[in-house]
Protein backbone atom coordinates (compact mmCIF):
# COMPACT_ATOMS: atom_id res chain seq x y z
CA MET A 1 20.38 -9.52 5.98
CA ILE A 2 18.79 -9.73 2.57
CA ALA A 3 15.22 -8.47 2.37
CA ASP A 4 12.72 -7.48 -0.26
CA GLU A 5 11.02 -4.11 -0.53
CA HIS A 6 8.29 -4.88 2.02
CA LYS A 7 7.82 -1.98 4.45
CA ALA A 8 8.02 -4.29 7.48
CA TYR A 9 11.79 -4.41 7.02
CA ASP A 10 12.10 -0.60 7.23
CA ASP A 11 12.28 -0.78 11.04
CA LEU A 12 15.47 -2.86 10.78
CA VAL A 13 17.39 -0.32 8.71
CA GLY A 14 20.41 0.78 10.72
CA LEU A 15 20.13 -2.11 13.19
CA VAL A 16 21.69 -4.74 10.93
CA ALA A 17 23.61 -4.74 7.68
CA MET A 18 20.87 -5.04 5.08
CA HIS A 19 20.69 -5.44 1.34
CA ARG A 20 17.29 -4.81 -0.28
CA VAL A 21 16.01 -6.48 -3.43
CA ASN A 22 13.20 -4.60 -5.17
CA HIS A 23 11.14 -7.38 -6.78
CA SER A 24 8.93 -4.89 -8.57
CA LEU A 25 11.99 -3.92 -10.64
CA GLN A 26 13.85 -7.20 -10.97
CA TYR A 27 14.03 -10.80 -9.76
CA GLN A 28 17.52 -10.41 -8.31
CA GLU A 29 20.28 -7.85 -8.10
CA ASP A 30 23.07 -7.76 -10.70
CA ASP A 31 25.39 -9.54 -8.26
CA GLY A 32 22.87 -12.41 -7.85
CA THR A 33 21.48 -11.29 -4.49
CA ASN A 34 17.90 -12.43 -3.98
CA SER A 35 15.58 -13.29 -1.13
CA ASN A 36 14.19 -16.53 -2.51
CA VAL A 37 15.88 -18.87 -0.02
CA ILE A 38 14.24 -17.30 3.02
CA GLU A 39 10.91 -16.89 1.25
CA SER A 40 11.00 -20.59 0.36
CA PHE A 41 11.83 -21.43 3.98
CA PHE A 42 8.91 -19.36 5.30
CA SER A 43 6.59 -20.99 2.75
CA ARG A 44 7.61 -24.45 3.96
CA VAL A 45 7.20 -23.45 7.60
CA GLU A 46 3.69 -22.18 6.84
CA ILE A 47 2.77 -25.44 5.10
CA LEU A 48 4.13 -27.46 8.05
CA TRP A 49 2.18 -25.29 10.51
CA GLN A 50 -1.04 -25.87 8.57
CA LEU A 51 -0.44 -29.63 8.49
CA LEU A 52 0.22 -29.75 12.24
CA HIS A 53 -2.77 -27.52 12.96
CA ASN A 54 -5.08 -29.74 10.92
CA ALA A 55 -3.66 -32.91 12.49
CA ALA A 56 -4.21 -31.49 15.98
CA PHE A 57 -7.86 -30.75 15.20
CA LYS A 58 -8.33 -34.29 13.90
CA VAL A 59 -6.90 -35.70 17.14
CA VAL A 60 -9.10 -33.44 19.28
CA GLY A 61 -12.16 -34.35 17.22
CA GLU A 62 -11.45 -38.08 17.52
CA HIS A 63 -10.89 -37.74 21.28
CA ARG A 64 -14.19 -35.90 21.63
CA ARG A 65 -16.01 -38.55 19.57
CA LEU A 66 -14.58 -41.38 21.69
CA THR A 67 -15.39 -39.57 24.93
CA ILE A 68 -19.02 -39.06 23.87
CA ALA A 69 -19.31 -42.69 22.74
CA LEU A 70 -17.86 -43.91 26.05
CA TYR A 71 -20.20 -41.69 28.05
CA GLN A 72 -23.22 -42.89 26.08
CA THR A 73 -22.37 -46.54 26.78
CA THR A 74 -21.63 -46.03 30.50
CA ALA A 75 -24.16 -43.39 31.48
CA PRO A 76 -26.92 -44.61 33.79
CA SER A 77 -30.38 -44.93 32.29
CA PRO A 78 -32.96 -42.40 33.51
């Protein structure tokens, strides 16, 4: 596993083979090791999650609007 210096990875030390990249000192290790691929992946997953979340709210909002409109046209008059 390749990880940056974030303290969340400290709990994994000893459980898996890990190489740490300290971004506060350098972009990548001398051998080219870096954590940019996984960070890019997580960034894309976050963007996808936000898009899906926003799309779901649009669908729910449209469903609610249509339900209210249908009720208003079919509700009995007082």
